[in-house]
């Protein structure tokens, strides 16, 4: 339908230009009094461009709304599955806490963390639905867009009326070349020309009103759509940041629950001066918390331990295990704190 409308508009413009050419060839006729002038043609073309622009923006907004609806629907189903898994993990952890099993504690931590993640996802979906989809839907079906489009349709009808009347004036002007034209025919020509002037005045007034309305709607569409895309990005970024923080914390907690016997210490000896290297492997450690002692190539150093992996260590004459897959050498340990590792 829109394709037919555009073709008809182009055809009318071609006819108007051809009529102007004919009038110029006749010489003694004022073609400005018959056909639309350059300003009217520019107004007509601008309205066509605005109509196409606002229609494209409307379709884009509708696609965003449909995409969000599909995303929310699919995510809601995924949330049901994820929450069921999290609840099963928490149930197992709760029921087996008395056994002091690392698996029971890890299951409880896993379930609790993933319930928190799903709560964050629910917040994301709420923002997409309430702060993005609904405002766009309201603009798509809102009065400003419909009113502007209605004014444009009225302008198009007025344009067609001017074209019809211009053809009538042209026909009567051609007849007026006959020397035998009657007084009645002359009066009819004058009446047709007056009517054309009136219709052109109405058309231009409608054109200005429709153009102003379309420009306002186009600006609102551009501003709102951009703002809602930015809202989507910010909401997704916040969700992923919070989910990552929860998973990072869960990862640390589960590593700390990992049985020491499952960890094998590296046996390969590093060569060279340890003063010029970061100590990441081939080490024994002692201490608690984030700091301890490490030994490498028979040299001992204070160490800052990251919670990933395990090392055997000694603190206050007590042997134990602590995470040490990543160790950053800090300073040489005092001789009083050294120990001989096996």
C-alpha atoms as a PDB file:
ATOM      1  CA  UNK A   1       0.000   0.000   0.000  1.00  0.00           C
ATOM      2  CA  UNK A   2       2.802   2.410   0.876  1.00  0.00           C
ATOM      3  CA  UNK A   3       4.575   1.550  -2.378  1.00  0.00           C
ATOM      4  CA  UNK A   4       1.462   2.439  -4.376  1.00  0.00           C
ATOM      5  CA  UNK A   5       1.137   5.660  -2.394  1.00  0.00           C
ATOM      6  CA  UNK A   6       4.711   6.679  -3.171  1.00  0.00           C
ATOM      7  CA  UNK A   7       4.288   5.869  -6.875  1.00  0.00           C
ATOM      8  CA  UNK A   8       1.107   7.928  -7.042  1.00  0.00           C
ATOM      9  CA  UNK A   9       2.845  10.859  -5.374  1.00  0.00           C
ATOM     10  CA  UNK A  10       5.723  10.721  -7.861  1.00  0.00           C
ATOM     11  CA  UNK A  11       3.261  10.520 -10.744  1.00  0.00           C
ATOM     12  CA  UNK A  12       1.414  13.596  -9.505  1.00  0.00           C
ATOM     13  CA  UNK A  13       4.650  15.547  -9.258  1.00  0.00           C
ATOM     14  CA  UNK A  14       5.577  14.537 -12.817  1.00  0.00           C
ATOM     15  CA  UNK A  15       2.166  15.636 -14.099  1.00  0.00           C
ATOM     16  CA  UNK A  16       2.535  18.965 -12.297  1.00  0.00           C
ATOM     17  CA  UNK A  17       5.933  19.575 -13.863  1.00  0.00           C
ATOM     18  CA  UNK A  18       4.622  18.640 -17.316  1.00  0.00           C
ATOM     19  CA  UNK A  19       1.743  21.053 -16.926  1.00  0.00           C
ATOM     20  CA  UNK A  20       4.171  23.808 -16.014  1.00  0.00           C
ATOM     21  CA  UNK A  21       6.182  23.063 -19.156  1.00  0.00           C
ATOM     22  CA  UNK A  22       3.038  23.285 -21.288  1.00  0.00           C
ATOM     23  CA  UNK A  23       2.135  26.613 -19.739  1.00  0.00           C
ATOM     24  CA  UNK A  24       5.599  28.009 -20.366  1.00  0.00           C
ATOM     25  CA  UNK A  25       5.306  26.966 -24.004  1.00  0.00           C
ATOM     26  CA  UNK A  26       1.971  28.789 -24.292  1.00  0.00           C
ATOM     27  CA  UNK A  27       3.833  31.904 -23.221  1.00  0.00           C
ATOM     28  CA  UNK A  28       1.004  34.291 -22.329  1.00  0.00           C
ATOM     29  CA  UNK A  29      -0.394  32.193 -19.448  1.00  0.00           C
ATOM     30  CA  UNK A  30       0.825  32.694 -15.871  1.00  0.00           C
ATOM     31  CA  UNK A  31       1.769  29.167 -14.801  1.00  0.00           C
ATOM     32  CA  UNK A  32       2.341  30.362 -11.213  1.00  0.00           C
ATOM     33  CA  UNK A  33      -1.387  31.008 -10.976  1.00  0.00           C
ATOM     34  CA  UNK A  34      -2.163  27.460 -12.073  1.00  0.00           C
ATOM     35  CA  UNK A  35       0.359  25.077 -10.548  1.00  0.00           C
ATOM     36  CA  UNK A  36       2.081  24.877  -7.172  1.00  0.00           C
ATOM     37  CA  UNK A  37       5.283  26.879  -6.823  1.00  0.00           C
ATOM     38  CA  UNK A  38       8.742  25.759  -5.664  1.00  0.00           C
ATOM     39  CA  UNK A  39       8.024  26.409  -1.975  1.00  0.00           C
ATOM     40  CA  UNK A  40       4.920  24.252  -2.144  1.00  0.00           C
ATOM     41  CA  UNK A  41       6.848  21.466  -3.845  1.00  0.00           C
ATOM     42  CA  UNK A  42       9.536  21.620  -1.124  1.00  0.00           C
ATOM     43  CA  UNK A  43       6.906  21.458   1.593  1.00  0.00           C
ATOM     44  CA  UNK A  44       5.348  18.454  -0.106  1.00  0.00           C
ATOM     45  CA  UNK A  45       8.690  16.652  -0.398  1.00  0.00           C
ATOM     46  CA  UNK A  46       9.645  17.439   3.207  1.00  0.00           C
ATOM     47  CA  UNK A  47       6.381  15.978   4.456  1.00  0.00           C
ATOM     48  CA  UNK A  48       6.953  12.830   2.440  1.00  0.00           C
ATOM     49  CA  UNK A  49      10.424  12.459   3.954  1.00  0.00           C
ATOM     50  CA  UNK A  50       9.103  13.050   7.475  1.00  0.00           C
ATOM     51  CA  UNK A  51       6.329  10.556   6.959  1.00  0.00           C
ATOM     52  CA  UNK A  52       8.821   7.904   5.841  1.00  0.00           C
ATOM     53  CA  UNK A  53      11.217   8.736   8.697  1.00  0.00           C
ATOM     54  CA  UNK A  54       8.579   8.529  11.428  1.00  0.00           C
ATOM     55  CA  UNK A  55       7.194   5.335   9.937  1.00  0.00           C
ATOM     56  CA  UNK A  56      10.664   3.718   9.957  1.00  0.00           C
ATOM     57  CA  UNK A  57      11.207   4.831  13.570  1.00  0.00           C
ATOM     58  CA  UNK A  58       7.804   3.437  14.530  1.00  0.00           C
ATOM     59  CA  UNK A  59       8.650   0.060  13.000  1.00  0.00           C
ATOM     60  CA  UNK A  60      12.040   0.081  14.777  1.00  0.00           C
ATOM     61  CA  UNK A  61      10.353   0.816  18.099  1.00  0.00           C
ATOM     62  CA  UNK A  62       7.888  -1.997  17.483  1.00  0.00           C
ATOM     63  CA  UNK A  63      10.769  -4.394  16.770  1.00  0.00           C
ATOM     64  CA  UNK A  64      12.438  -3.407  20.054  1.00  0.00           C
ATOM     65  CA  UNK A  65       9.210  -4.025  21.961  1.00  0.00           C
ATOM     66  CA  UNK A  66       8.737  -7.413  20.319  1.00  0.00           C
ATOM     67  CA  UNK A  67      12.352  -8.337  21.015  1.00  0.00           C
ATOM     68  CA  UNK A  68      12.021  -7.412  24.691  1.00  0.00           C
ATOM     69  CA  UNK A  69       8.784  -9.365  25.003  1.00  0.00           C
ATOM     70  CA  UNK A  70      10.441 -12.459  23.545  1.00  0.00           C
ATOM     71  CA  UNK A  71      13.532 -11.995  25.734  1.00  0.00           C
ATOM     72  CA  UNK A  72      11.451 -11.587  28.901  1.00  0.00           C
ATOM     73  CA  UNK A  73       9.351 -14.636  28.057  1.00  0.00           C
ATOM     74  CA  UNK A  74      12.377 -16.848  27.364  1.00  0.00           C
ATOM     75  CA  UNK A  75      14.297 -15.534  30.379  1.00  0.00           C
ATOM     76  CA  UNK A  76      11.334 -16.190  32.662  1.00  0.00           C
ATOM     77  CA  UNK A  77      11.362 -19.843  31.646  1.00  0.00           C
ATOM     78  CA  UNK A  78      15.119 -20.038  32.190  1.00  0.00           C
ATOM     79  CA  UNK A  79      14.691 -18.457  35.612  1.00  0.00           C
ATOM     80  CA  UNK A  80      12.237 -21.180  36.625  1.00  0.00           C
ATOM     81  CA  UNK A  81      14.796 -23.850  35.714  1.00  0.00           C
ATOM     82  CA  UNK A  82      17.692 -22.036  37.409  1.00  0.00           C
ATOM     83  CA  UNK A  83      15.701 -21.423  40.587  1.00  0.00           C
ATOM     84  CA  UNK A  84      14.628 -25.051  40.756  1.00  0.00           C
ATOM     85  CA  UNK A  85      18.276 -26.135  40.517  1.00  0.00           C
ATOM     86  CA  UNK A  86      19.307 -23.588  43.155  1.00  0.00           C
ATOM     87  CA  UNK A  87      16.550 -24.739  45.512  1.00  0.00           C
ATOM     88  CA  UNK A  88      17.555 -28.379  45.073  1.00  0.00           C
ATOM     89  CA  UNK A  89      21.160 -27.461  45.904  1.00  0.00           C
ATOM     90  CA  UNK A  90      20.117 -25.548  49.005  1.00  0.00           C
ATOM     91  CA  UNK A  91      17.875 -28.386  50.121  1.00  0.00           C
ATOM     92  CA  UNK A  92      20.717 -30.897  49.841  1.00  0.00           C
ATOM     93  CA  UNK A  93      23.048 -28.557  51.698  1.00  0.00           C
ATOM     94  CA  UNK A  94      20.558 -27.936  54.508  1.00  0.00           C
ATOM     95  CA  UNK A  95      19.771 -31.613  54.949  1.00  0.00           C
ATOM     96  CA  UNK A  96      23.441 -32.645  55.133  1.00  0.00           C
ATOM     97  CA  UNK A  97      24.991 -29.875  57.213  1.00  0.00           C
ATOM     98  CA  UNK A  98      25.417 -32.192  60.207  1.00  0.00           C
ATOM     99  CA  UNK A  99      27.871 -34.307  58.233  1.00  0.00           C
ATOM    100  CA  UNK A 100      30.332 -31.398  57.872  1.00  0.00           C
ATOM    101  CA  UNK A 101      30.661 -32.450  54.237  1.00  0.00           C
ATOM    102  CA  UNK A 102      32.419 -30.007  51.891  1.00  0.00           C
ATOM    103  CA  UNK A 103      29.853 -30.969  49.267  1.00  0.00           C
ATOM    104  CA  UNK A 104      26.986 -30.015  51.566  1.00  0.00           C
ATOM    105  CA  UNK A 105      28.493 -26.620  52.300  1.00  0.00           C
ATOM    106  CA  UNK A 106      29.370 -26.014  48.653  1.00  0.00           C
ATOM    107  CA  UNK A 107      25.838 -27.006  47.558  1.00  0.00           C
ATOM    108  CA  UNK A 108      24.339 -24.558  50.023  1.00  0.00           C
ATOM    109  CA  UNK A 109      26.637 -21.796  48.804  1.00  0.00           C
ATOM    110  CA  UNK A 110      25.863 -22.623  45.159  1.00  0.00           C
ATOM    111  CA  UNK A 111      22.114 -22.560  45.715  1.00  0.00           C
ATOM    112  CA  UNK A 112      22.160 -19.347  47.727  1.00  0.00           C
ATOM    113  CA  UNK A 113      24.342 -17.559  45.169  1.00  0.00           C
ATOM    114  CA  UNK A 114      22.237 -18.588  42.184  1.00  0.00           C
ATOM    115  CA  UNK A 115      19.029 -17.524  43.872  1.00  0.00           C
ATOM    116  CA  UNK A 116      20.650 -14.085  44.271  1.00  0.00           C
ATOM    117  CA  UNK A 117      21.634 -14.103  40.595  1.00  0.00           C
ATOM    118  CA  UNK A 118      18.070 -14.881  39.560  1.00  0.00           C
ATOM    119  CA  UNK A 119      16.824 -12.038  41.731  1.00  0.00           C
ATOM    120  CA  UNK A 120      19.157  -9.713  39.847  1.00  0.00           C
ATOM    121  CA  UNK A 121      17.907 -11.109  36.531  1.00  0.00           C
ATOM    122  CA  UNK A 122      14.325 -10.505  37.638  1.00  0.00           C
ATOM    123  CA  UNK A 123      15.257  -6.885  38.328  1.00  0.00           C
ATOM    124  CA  UNK A 124      16.735  -6.638  34.816  1.00  0.00           C
ATOM    125  CA  UNK A 125      13.588  -8.024  33.225  1.00  0.00           C
ATOM    126  CA  UNK A 126      11.469  -5.583  35.198  1.00  0.00           C
ATOM    127  CA  UNK A 127      13.511  -2.652  33.899  1.00  0.00           C
ATOM    128  CA  UNK A 128      13.302  -3.878  30.307  1.00  0.00           C
ATOM    129  CA  UNK A 129       9.571  -4.356  30.612  1.00  0.00           C
ATOM    130  CA  UNK A 130       8.575  -1.247  32.585  1.00  0.00           C
ATOM    131  CA  UNK A 131      11.199   1.324  31.638  1.00  0.00           C
ATOM    132  CA  UNK A 132      11.877   0.371  28.006  1.00  0.00           C
ATOM    133  CA  UNK A 133       9.079  -1.632  26.420  1.00  0.00           C
ATOM    134  CA  UNK A 134       6.076   0.193  27.894  1.00  0.00           C
ATOM    135  CA  UNK A 135       7.246   3.765  27.078  1.00  0.00           C
ATOM    136  CA  UNK A 136       8.028   2.735  23.500  1.00  0.00           C
ATOM    137  CA  UNK A 137       4.660   1.023  23.138  1.00  0.00           C
ATOM    138  CA  UNK A 138       2.931   4.142  24.468  1.00  0.00           C
ATOM    139  CA  UNK A 139       4.659   6.316  21.874  1.00  0.00           C
ATOM    140  CA  UNK A 140       3.852   3.910  19.052  1.00  0.00           C
ATOM    141  CA  UNK A 141       0.128   4.099  19.784  1.00  0.00           C
ATOM    142  CA  UNK A 142       0.147   7.627  21.217  1.00  0.00           C
ATOM    143  CA  UNK A 143      -1.907  10.594  20.039  1.00  0.00           C
ATOM    144  CA  UNK A 144       0.982  12.810  18.794  1.00  0.00           C
ATOM    145  CA  UNK A 145       2.047  10.334  16.123  1.00  0.00           C
ATOM    146  CA  UNK A 146      -1.497   9.552  15.037  1.00  0.00           C
ATOM    147  CA  UNK A 147      -2.451  13.243  14.946  1.00  0.00           C
ATOM    148  CA  UNK A 148       0.606  14.103  12.859  1.00  0.00           C
ATOM    149  CA  UNK A 149      -0.109  11.292  10.426  1.00  0.00           C
ATOM    150  CA  UNK A 150      -3.751  12.405  10.200  1.00  0.00           C
ATOM    151  CA  UNK A 151      -2.669  15.945   9.337  1.00  0.00           C
ATOM    152  CA  UNK A 152      -0.343  14.548   6.663  1.00  0.00           C
ATOM    153  CA  UNK A 153      -3.205  12.562   5.127  1.00  0.00           C
ATOM    154  CA  UNK A 154      -5.370  15.700   5.101  1.00  0.00           C
ATOM    155  CA  UNK A 155      -2.547  17.570   3.403  1.00  0.00           C
ATOM    156  CA  UNK A 156      -2.263  14.842   0.762  1.00  0.00           C
ATOM    157  CA  UNK A 157      -5.977  15.121  -0.005  1.00  0.00           C
ATOM    158  CA  UNK A 158      -5.648  18.887  -0.219  1.00  0.00           C
ATOM    159  CA  UNK A 159      -2.703  18.455  -2.594  1.00  0.00           C
ATOM    160  CA  UNK A 160      -4.825  16.210  -4.807  1.00  0.00           C
ATOM    161  CA  UNK A 161      -7.597  18.802  -4.734  1.00  0.00           C
ATOM    162  CA  UNK A 162      -5.182  21.496  -5.888  1.00  0.00           C
ATOM    163  CA  UNK A 163      -3.981  19.266  -8.725  1.00  0.00           C
ATOM    164  CA  UNK A 164      -7.538  18.603  -9.861  1.00  0.00           C
ATOM    165  CA  UNK A 165      -8.442  22.273  -9.724  1.00  0.00           C
ATOM    166  CA  UNK A 166      -5.229  23.238 -11.529  1.00  0.00           C
ATOM    167  CA  UNK A 167      -6.152  20.874 -14.348  1.00  0.00           C
ATOM    168  CA  UNK A 168      -9.578  22.527 -14.511  1.00  0.00           C
ATOM    169  CA  UNK A 169      -8.031  25.985 -14.697  1.00  0.00           C
ATOM    170  CA  UNK A 170      -5.642  24.822 -17.404  1.00  0.00           C
ATOM    171  CA  UNK A 171      -8.497  23.384 -19.431  1.00  0.00           C
ATOM    172  CA  UNK A 172     -10.472  26.633 -19.229  1.00  0.00           C
ATOM    173  CA  UNK A 173      -7.427  28.744 -20.035  1.00  0.00           C
ATOM    174  CA  UNK A 174      -6.845  26.709 -23.183  1.00  0.00           C
ATOM    175  CA  UNK A 175     -10.454  27.347 -24.178  1.00  0.00           C
ATOM    176  CA  UNK A 176     -10.002  31.063 -23.552  1.00  0.00           C
ATOM    177  CA  UNK A 177      -7.653  31.223 -26.565  1.00  0.00           C
ATOM    178  CA  UNK A 178     -10.734  30.909 -28.750  1.00  0.00           C
ATOM    179  CA  UNK A 179     -11.876  34.407 -29.721  1.00  0.00           C
ATOM    180  CA  UNK A 180     -15.488  33.289 -29.545  1.00  0.00           C
ATOM    181  CA  UNK A 181     -15.359  32.548 -25.806  1.00  0.00           C
ATOM    182  CA  UNK A 182     -18.505  33.712 -24.073  1.00  0.00           C
ATOM    183  CA  UNK A 183     -18.768  35.998 -21.093  1.00  0.00           C
ATOM    184  CA  UNK A 184     -20.034  33.015 -19.107  1.00  0.00           C
ATOM    185  CA  UNK A 185     -16.937  30.997 -20.064  1.00  0.00           C
ATOM    186  CA  UNK A 186     -14.705  33.860 -18.985  1.00  0.00           C
ATOM    187  CA  UNK A 187     -16.491  34.079 -15.631  1.00  0.00           C
ATOM    188  CA  UNK A 188     -16.124  30.353 -15.126  1.00  0.00           C
ATOM    189  CA  UNK A 189     -12.390  30.661 -15.741  1.00  0.00           C
ATOM    190  CA  UNK A 190     -12.142  33.448 -13.177  1.00  0.00           C
ATOM    191  CA  UNK A 191     -14.120  31.377 -10.688  1.00  0.00           C
ATOM    192  CA  UNK A 192     -11.871  28.328 -11.295  1.00  0.00           C
ATOM    193  CA  UNK A 193      -8.746  30.439 -10.764  1.00  0.00           C
ATOM    194  CA  UNK A 194     -10.143  31.919  -7.552  1.00  0.00           C
ATOM    195  CA  UNK A 195     -11.027  28.466  -6.310  1.00  0.00           C
ATOM    196  CA  UNK A 196      -7.501  27.260  -7.109  1.00  0.00           C
ATOM    197  CA  UNK A 197      -5.988  30.132  -5.126  1.00  0.00           C
ATOM    198  CA  UNK A 198      -8.248  29.272  -2.184  1.00  0.00           C
ATOM    199  CA  UNK A 199      -7.350  25.577  -2.299  1.00  0.00           C
ATOM    200  CA  UNK A 200      -3.630  26.386  -2.490  1.00  0.00           C
ATOM    201  CA  UNK A 201      -3.931  28.616   0.573  1.00  0.00           C
ATOM    202  CA  UNK A 202      -5.661  25.832   2.502  1.00  0.00           C
ATOM    203  CA  UNK A 203      -3.064  23.321   1.329  1.00  0.00           C
ATOM    204  CA  UNK A 204      -0.136  25.470   2.447  1.00  0.00           C
ATOM    205  CA  UNK A 205      -1.685  26.062   5.860  1.00  0.00           C
ATOM    206  CA  UNK A 206      -2.185  22.323   6.299  1.00  0.00           C
ATOM    207  CA  UNK A 207       1.336  21.694   5.047  1.00  0.00           C
ATOM    208  CA  UNK A 208       2.874  23.985   7.653  1.00  0.00           C
ATOM    209  CA  UNK A 209       0.786  22.455  10.434  1.00  0.00           C
ATOM    210  CA  UNK A 210       1.537  18.887   9.363  1.00  0.00           C
ATOM    211  CA  UNK A 211       5.256  19.636   8.964  1.00  0.00           C
ATOM    212  CA  UNK A 212       5.488  21.123  12.462  1.00  0.00           C
ATOM    213  CA  UNK A 213       3.649  18.124  13.938  1.00  0.00           C
ATOM    214  CA  UNK A 214       5.818  15.637  12.059  1.00  0.00           C
ATOM    215  CA  UNK A 215       9.050  17.372  13.070  1.00  0.00           C
ATOM    216  CA  UNK A 216       7.965  17.274  16.703  1.00  0.00           C
ATOM    217  CA  UNK A 217       7.071  13.584  16.520  1.00  0.00           C
ATOM    218  CA  UNK A 218      10.312  12.718  14.733  1.00  0.00           C
ATOM    219  CA  UNK A 219      12.323  14.465  17.444  1.00  0.00           C
ATOM    220  CA  UNK A 220      10.418  12.676  20.203  1.00  0.00           C
ATOM    221  CA  UNK A 221      10.904   9.312  18.505  1.00  0.00           C
ATOM    222  CA  UNK A 222      14.635   9.825  18.074  1.00  0.00           C
ATOM    223  CA  UNK A 223      15.143  11.041  21.635  1.00  0.00           C
ATOM    224  CA  UNK A 224      12.999   8.403  23.360  1.00  0.00           C
ATOM    225  CA  UNK A 225      14.337   5.467  21.338  1.00  0.00           C
ATOM    226  CA  UNK A 226      17.958   6.463  21.961  1.00  0.00           C
ATOM    227  CA  UNK A 227      17.246   6.948  25.672  1.00  0.00           C
ATOM    228  CA  UNK A 228      15.604   3.534  25.978  1.00  0.00           C
ATOM    229  CA  UNK A 229      18.469   1.799  24.185  1.00  0.00           C
ATOM    230  CA  UNK A 230      20.816   3.425  26.690  1.00  0.00           C
ATOM    231  CA  UNK A 231      18.574   2.254  29.544  1.00  0.00           C
ATOM    232  CA  UNK A 232      18.771  -1.292  28.193  1.00  0.00           C
ATOM    233  CA  UNK A 233      22.570  -1.207  28.049  1.00  0.00           C
ATOM    234  CA  UNK A 234      22.877   0.234  31.554  1.00  0.00           C
ATOM    235  CA  UNK A 235      20.462  -2.332  33.013  1.00  0.00           C
ATOM    236  CA  UNK A 236      22.274  -5.230  31.330  1.00  0.00           C
ATOM    237  CA  UNK A 237      25.666  -3.918  32.430  1.00  0.00           C
ATOM    238  CA  UNK A 238      24.488  -3.613  36.036  1.00  0.00           C
ATOM    239  CA  UNK A 239      23.029  -7.119  35.970  1.00  0.00           C
ATOM    240  CA  UNK A 240      26.206  -8.703  34.612  1.00  0.00           C
ATOM    241  CA  UNK A 241      28.398  -6.789  37.073  1.00  0.00           C
ATOM    242  CA  UNK A 242      26.337  -7.976  40.035  1.00  0.00           C
ATOM    243  CA  UNK A 243      26.121 -11.524  38.700  1.00  0.00           C
ATOM    244  CA  UNK A 244      29.900 -11.570  38.201  1.00  0.00           C
ATOM    245  CA  UNK A 245      30.484 -10.332  41.761  1.00  0.00           C
ATOM    246  CA  UNK A 246      28.241 -13.093  43.118  1.00  0.00           C
ATOM    247  CA  UNK A 247      30.012 -15.750  41.044  1.00  0.00           C
ATOM    248  CA  UNK A 248      33.449 -14.479  42.047  1.00  0.00           C
ATOM    249  CA  UNK A 249      32.484 -14.741  45.711  1.00  0.00           C
ATOM    250  CA  UNK A 250      30.995 -18.203  45.132  1.00  0.00           C
ATOM    251  CA  UNK A 251      34.150 -19.333  43.354  1.00  0.00           C
ATOM    252  CA  UNK A 252      36.300 -18.327  46.326  1.00  0.00           C
ATOM    253  CA  UNK A 253      33.958 -19.998  48.798  1.00  0.00           C
ATOM    254  CA  UNK A 254      33.873 -23.262  46.866  1.00  0.00           C
ATOM    255  CA  UNK A 255      37.651 -23.349  46.421  1.00  0.00           C
ATOM    256  CA  UNK A 256      38.045 -22.994  50.170  1.00  0.00           C
ATOM    257  CA  UNK A 257      35.774 -26.015  50.584  1.00  0.00           C
ATOM    258  CA  UNK A 258      37.851 -28.100  48.191  1.00  0.00           C
ATOM    259  CA  UNK A 259      39.392 -31.122  49.956  1.00  0.00           C
ATOM    260  CA  UNK A 260      43.211 -30.700  50.273  1.00  0.00           C
ATOM    261  CA  UNK A 261      43.868 -34.257  49.156  1.00  0.00           C
ATOM    262  CA  UNK A 262      42.584 -33.371  45.706  1.00  0.00           C
ATOM    263  CA  UNK A 263      45.368 -30.839  45.293  1.00  0.00           C
ATOM    264  CA  UNK A 264      48.746 -31.972  44.013  1.00  0.00           C
ATOM    265  CA  UNK A 265      51.721 -29.713  44.630  1.00  0.00           C
ATOM    266  CA  UNK A 266      54.075 -29.223  41.673  1.00  0.00           C
ATOM    267  CA  UNK A 267      57.370 -31.078  41.906  1.00  0.00           C
ATOM    268  CA  UNK A 268      59.379 -29.352  39.218  1.00  0.00           C
ATOM    269  CA  UNK A 269      62.143 -27.126  40.576  1.00  0.00           C
ATOM    270  CA  UNK A 270      62.602 -23.671  39.159  1.00  0.00           C
ATOM    271  CA  UNK A 271      66.131 -22.540  38.300  1.00  0.00           C
ATOM    272  CA  UNK A 272      67.784 -19.177  38.750  1.00  0.00           C
ATOM    273  CA  UNK A 273      67.684 -16.389  41.269  1.00  0.00           C
ATOM    274  CA  UNK A 274      64.267 -16.107  42.925  1.00  0.00           C
ATOM    275  CA  UNK A 275      64.893 -12.424  43.588  1.00  0.00           C
ATOM    276  CA  UNK A 276      64.258 -11.768  39.888  1.00  0.00           C
ATOM    277  CA  UNK A 277      61.107 -13.893  39.513  1.00  0.00           C
ATOM    278  CA  UNK A 278      57.472 -13.911  40.678  1.00  0.00           C
ATOM    279  CA  UNK A 279      56.848 -17.016  42.734  1.00  0.00           C
ATOM    280  CA  UNK A 280      53.793 -18.803  41.307  1.00  0.00           C
ATOM    281  CA  UNK A 281      54.631 -22.472  41.596  1.00  0.00           C
ATOM    282  CA  UNK A 282      57.116 -25.069  43.007  1.00  0.00           C
ATOM    283  CA  UNK A 283      56.773 -23.779  46.575  1.00  0.00           C
ATOM    284  CA  UNK A 284      55.920 -24.662  50.151  1.00  0.00           C
ATOM    285  CA  UNK A 285      54.089 -22.080  52.295  1.00  0.00           C
ATOM    286  CA  UNK A 286      53.360 -21.233  55.877  1.00  0.00           C
ATOM    287  CA  UNK A 287      51.031 -18.731  57.524  1.00  0.00           C
ATOM    288  CA  UNK A 288      47.342 -17.869  57.581  1.00  0.00           C
ATOM    289  CA  UNK A 289      44.974 -15.335  56.039  1.00  0.00           C
ATOM    290  CA  UNK A 290      46.423 -13.494  53.075  1.00  0.00           C
ATOM    291  CA  UNK A 291      50.109 -13.754  54.044  1.00  0.00           C
ATOM    292  CA  UNK A 292      52.534 -16.599  54.755  1.00  0.00           C
ATOM    293  CA  UNK A 293      56.006 -18.002  54.162  1.00  0.00           C
ATOM    294  CA  UNK A 294      57.111 -19.713  50.970  1.00  0.00           C
ATOM    295  CA  UNK A 295      60.232 -21.730  50.261  1.00  0.00           C
ATOM    296  CA  UNK A 296      61.774 -22.110  46.832  1.00  0.00           C
ATOM    297  CA  UNK A 297      65.234 -23.382  46.006  1.00  0.00           C
ATOM    298  CA  UNK A 298      65.984 -23.433  49.772  1.00  0.00           C
ATOM    299  CA  UNK A 299      65.193 -19.701  50.140  1.00  0.00           C
ATOM    300  CA  UNK A 300      62.277 -18.446  52.227  1.00  0.00           C
ATOM    301  CA  UNK A 301      60.066 -15.388  51.641  1.00  0.00           C
ATOM    302  CA  UNK A 302      56.959 -13.756  53.051  1.00  0.00           C
ATOM    303  CA  UNK A 303      54.097 -14.279  50.600  1.00  0.00           C
ATOM    304  CA  UNK A 304      50.664 -12.821  49.836  1.00  0.00           C
ATOM    305  CA  UNK A 305      48.308 -15.665  48.890  1.00  0.00           C
ATOM    306  CA  UNK A 306      45.413 -15.469  46.497  1.00  0.00           C
ATOM    307  CA  UNK A 307      42.498 -17.841  47.267  1.00  0.00           C
ATOM    308  CA  UNK A 308      42.871 -20.270  44.396  1.00  0.00           C
ATOM    309  CA  UNK A 309      44.425 -23.721  44.880  1.00  0.00           C
ATOM    310  CA  UNK A 310      46.104 -25.117  47.992  1.00  0.00           C
ATOM    311  CA  UNK A 311      49.515 -25.213  49.645  1.00  0.00           C
ATOM    312  CA  UNK A 312      50.721 -26.967  52.782  1.00  0.00           C
ATOM    313  CA  UNK A 313      51.850 -24.553  55.457  1.00  0.00           C
ATOM    314  CA  UNK A 314      52.684 -24.038  59.126  1.00  0.00           C
ATOM    315  CA  UNK A 315      51.423 -21.352  61.500  1.00  0.00           C
ATOM    316  CA  UNK A 316      52.047 -21.268  65.265  1.00  0.00           C
ATOM    317  CA  UNK A 317      53.465 -24.801  65.136  1.00  0.00           C
ATOM    318  CA  UNK A 318      50.266 -26.070  63.456  1.00  0.00           C
ATOM    319  CA  UNK A 319      50.308 -27.700  60.041  1.00  0.00           C
ATOM    320  CA  UNK A 320      47.495 -27.112  57.551  1.00  0.00           C
ATOM    321  CA  UNK A 321      46.432 -26.257  54.023  1.00  0.00           C
ATOM    322  CA  UNK A 322      45.626 -22.924  52.438  1.00  0.00           C
ATOM    323  CA  UNK A 323      45.029 -21.666  48.854  1.00  0.00           C
ATOM    324  CA  UNK A 324      48.174 -20.636  47.031  1.00  0.00           C
ATOM    325  CA  UNK A 325      47.985 -21.179  43.310  1.00  0.00           C
ATOM    326  CA  UNK A 326      48.987 -17.555  42.921  1.00  0.00           C
ATOM    327  CA  UNK A 327      51.612 -16.171  45.256  1.00  0.00           C
ATOM    328  CA  UNK A 328      53.264 -12.794  45.037  1.00  0.00           C
ATOM    329  CA  UNK A 329      56.691 -12.495  46.672  1.00  0.00           C
ATOM    330  CA  UNK A 330      56.767  -9.612  49.161  1.00  0.00           C
ATOM    331  CA  UNK A 331      60.036  -9.662  51.154  1.00  0.00           C
ATOM    332  CA  UNK A 332      62.597 -12.088  52.464  1.00  0.00           C
ATOM    333  CA  UNK A 333      61.404 -13.936  55.545  1.00  0.00           C
ATOM    334  CA  UNK A 334      63.320 -13.597  58.815  1.00  0.00           C
ATOM    335  CA  UNK A 335      65.395 -16.635  59.760  1.00  0.00           C
ATOM    336  CA  UNK A 336      63.377 -17.128  62.939  1.00  0.00           C
ATOM    337  CA  UNK A 337      60.288 -17.957  60.879  1.00  0.00           C
ATOM    338  CA  UNK A 338      61.844 -20.380  58.446  1.00  0.00           C
ATOM    339  CA  UNK A 339      60.988 -24.025  58.428  1.00  0.00           C
ATOM    340  CA  UNK A 340      62.286 -27.009  56.486  1.00  0.00           C
ATOM    341  CA  UNK A 341      59.646 -28.444  54.168  1.00  0.00           C
ATOM    342  CA  UNK A 342      59.611 -32.011  53.093  1.00  0.00           C
END
